[in-house]
Amino acid sequence: MSEPVRSTRETIELLLRTSVEGSRDDLADLYAEDVVMTNPFAPEGVARETHGNAALRDRMKAFAQYLDYTAIKNVTIHETTDPQVAIVEFTVVGTLKPAGIPFELPSINVVRVVDGLITESRDHSDGVRAAALLKEIQAAAG
């Protein structure tokens, strides 16, 4: 008998915990091989779409050298009439490395989960704060 597949809510709750407690590889493992992630309001210099787990994994690792997530707060998960889709409101709390600058980034994501893995995520973050973070990252990268 096989293990039951995580529900959409369980997968999202695990995603939020892993964002703080796990590695970027642990995080990427929650996404399907053919995942599509879109960031329609991404600041200039950040990809608006990422296709596939390998590309997502690379992207996560690239940002991990600059961003240390220390908490996820203000979480609300809205289940929809489609059991595979939920809307997640949350705020990422962290520190911008190596400068040690604290940040908070409010976000709303629309997430689709199939067989316990995220197949699609449409991520909507506070554009002004995201652009300010990117500017700090670019300065740190030299």
Protein backbone atom coordinates (compact mmCIF):
# COMPACT_ATOMS: atom_id res chain seq x y z
CA MET A 1 0.00 0.00 0.00
CA SER A 2 1.42 3.40 -0.95
CA GLU A 3 1.55 6.48 1.25
CA PRO A 4 -1.39 8.88 0.87
CA VAL A 5 -0.58 11.97 -1.20
CA ARG A 6 -0.43 15.29 0.62
CA SER A 7 -3.43 17.54 0.16
CA THR A 8 -3.08 21.00 -1.36
CA ARG A 9 -3.26 22.58 2.11
CA GLU A 10 -0.71 20.14 3.57
CA THR A 11 1.68 20.80 0.69
CA ILE A 12 1.39 24.57 1.11
CA GLU A 13 1.89 24.32 4.88
CA LEU A 14 4.99 22.18 4.25
CA LEU A 15 6.23 24.71 1.68
CA LEU A 16 5.93 27.56 4.18
CA ARG A 17 7.73 25.58 6.93
CA THR A 18 10.45 24.41 4.55
CA SER A 19 11.07 27.98 3.38
CA VAL A 20 12.43 28.71 6.85
CA GLU A 21 13.55 25.33 8.19
CA GLY A 22 14.86 23.54 5.08
CA SER A 23 17.43 23.96 2.36
CA ARG A 24 16.67 25.33 -1.08
CA ASP A 25 16.92 21.75 -2.38
CA ASP A 26 14.31 20.67 0.19
CA LEU A 27 12.12 23.49 -1.04
CA ALA A 28 12.60 22.64 -4.72
CA ASP A 29 11.68 19.02 -3.95
CA LEU A 30 8.11 20.21 -3.29
CA TYR A 31 7.71 21.27 -6.93
CA ALA A 32 6.88 19.01 -9.89
CA GLU A 33 9.44 18.43 -12.65
CA ASP A 34 7.34 20.47 -15.09
CA VAL A 35 6.39 23.26 -12.67
CA VAL A 36 5.63 26.71 -14.02
CA MET A 37 6.19 29.63 -11.68
CA THR A 38 5.14 33.11 -12.73
CA ASN A 39 5.91 36.41 -11.04
CA PRO A 40 3.79 38.90 -12.98
CA PHE A 41 4.95 41.86 -10.86
CA ALA A 42 8.62 40.89 -10.60
CA PRO A 43 10.98 43.85 -10.60
CA GLU A 44 13.14 44.46 -13.66
CA GLY A 45 16.05 42.03 -13.59
CA VAL A 46 14.02 39.12 -12.19
CA ALA A 47 12.50 36.51 -14.49
CA ARG A 48 8.73 36.72 -14.73
CA GLU A 49 8.47 33.00 -15.55
CA THR A 50 10.43 29.93 -14.56
CA HIS A 51 9.78 26.61 -16.30
CA GLY A 52 10.78 23.28 -14.83
CA ASN A 53 12.14 22.12 -11.52
CA ALA A 54 15.81 22.34 -12.55
CA ALA A 55 15.49 26.02 -13.49
CA LEU A 56 13.50 26.74 -10.34
CA ARG A 57 16.11 24.97 -8.20
CA ASP A 58 18.90 27.05 -9.79
CA ARG A 59 16.94 30.25 -9.23
CA MET A 60 16.28 29.40 -5.59
CA LYS A 61 19.96 28.65 -4.97
CA ALA A 62 21.04 31.88 -6.66
CA PHE A 63 18.83 33.96 -4.36
CA ALA A 64 19.68 31.87 -1.26
CA GLN A 65 23.16 33.36 -1.17
CA TYR A 66 21.56 36.76 -0.52
CA LEU A 67 18.33 36.01 1.34
CA ASP A 68 17.99 34.25 4.70
CA TYR A 69 14.36 33.55 5.56
CA THR A 70 13.82 33.52 9.32
CA ALA A 71 10.02 33.37 9.62
CA ILE A 72 6.77 33.22 7.72
CA LYS A 73 3.94 35.17 9.33
CA ASN A 74 0.43 36.46 8.66
CA VAL A 75 -0.49 33.20 6.90
CA THR A 76 -3.97 32.68 5.53
CA ILE A 77 -4.75 29.80 3.19
CA HIS A 78 -7.91 30.20 1.14
CA GLU A 79 -9.18 26.93 -0.29
CA THR A 80 -11.07 27.21 -3.57
CA THR A 81 -13.77 25.18 -5.30
CA ASP A 82 -10.93 23.40 -7.14
CA PRO A 83 -9.29 21.06 -4.59
CA GLN A 84 -5.95 21.42 -6.38
CA VAL A 85 -5.86 25.22 -6.06
CA ALA A 86 -5.43 27.47 -3.04
CA ILE A 87 -4.63 31.13 -2.51
CA VAL A 88 -2.01 31.83 0.15
CA GLU A 89 -1.43 35.15 1.87
CA PHE A 90 1.79 35.43 3.89
CA THR A 91 4.74 37.60 4.79
CA VAL A 92 8.33 36.38 4.49
CA VAL A 93 10.59 37.74 7.23
CA GLY A 94 14.32 37.56 6.75
CA THR A 95 17.72 39.12 6.48
CA LEU A 96 19.51 40.31 3.40
CA LYS A 97 22.98 38.76 3.42
CA PRO A 98 25.75 39.80 3.79
CA ALA A 99 24.66 43.30 4.83
CA GLY A 100 22.42 41.99 7.63
CA ILE A 101 19.51 44.17 6.53
CA PRO A 102 16.17 42.86 7.87
CA PHE A 103 13.22 42.69 5.50
CA GLU A 104 9.57 41.70 5.33
CA LEU A 105 7.95 40.85 2.02
CA PRO A 106 4.15 40.43 1.91
CA SER A 107 2.93 38.08 -0.81
CA ILE A 108 -0.12 36.39 -2.25
CA ASN A 109 0.40 33.20 -4.23
CA VAL A 110 -2.05 31.15 -6.24
CA VAL A 111 -0.83 27.56 -6.03
CA ARG A 112 -1.87 24.39 -7.86
CA VAL A 113 -0.92 21.04 -6.30
CA VAL A 114 -1.19 17.72 -8.14
CA ASP A 115 -0.24 14.46 -6.44
CA GLY A 116 1.34 16.34 -3.53
CA LEU A 117 3.65 18.48 -5.69
CA ILE A 118 3.31 22.10 -6.78
CA THR A 119 2.73 22.20 -10.52
CA GLU A 120 1.96 25.89 -10.84
CA SER A 121 2.54 28.93 -8.68
CA ARG A 122 1.58 32.47 -9.55
CA ASP A 123 3.49 34.62 -7.07
CA HIS A 124 2.46 38.19 -6.33
CA SER A 125 4.80 40.03 -3.95
CA ASP A 126 4.88 43.65 -2.84
CA GLY A 127 6.56 45.10 -5.93
CA VAL A 128 8.05 48.14 -4.22
CA ARG A 129 9.65 46.07 -1.46
CA ALA A 130 10.81 43.39 -3.93
CA ALA A 131 12.47 46.05 -6.11
CA ALA A 132 14.24 47.52 -3.07
CA LEU A 133 15.49 44.05 -2.08
CA LEU A 134 16.71 43.39 -5.61
CA LYS A 135 18.60 46.69 -5.60
CA GLU A 136 20.35 45.65 -2.36
CA ILE A 137 21.12 42.20 -3.82
CA GLN A 138 22.60 43.75 -6.95
CA ALA A 139 24.74 46.07 -4.82
CA ALA A 140 25.96 43.11 -2.73
CA ALA A 141 26.74 41.11 -5.88
CA GLY A 142 28.91 43.96 -7.09
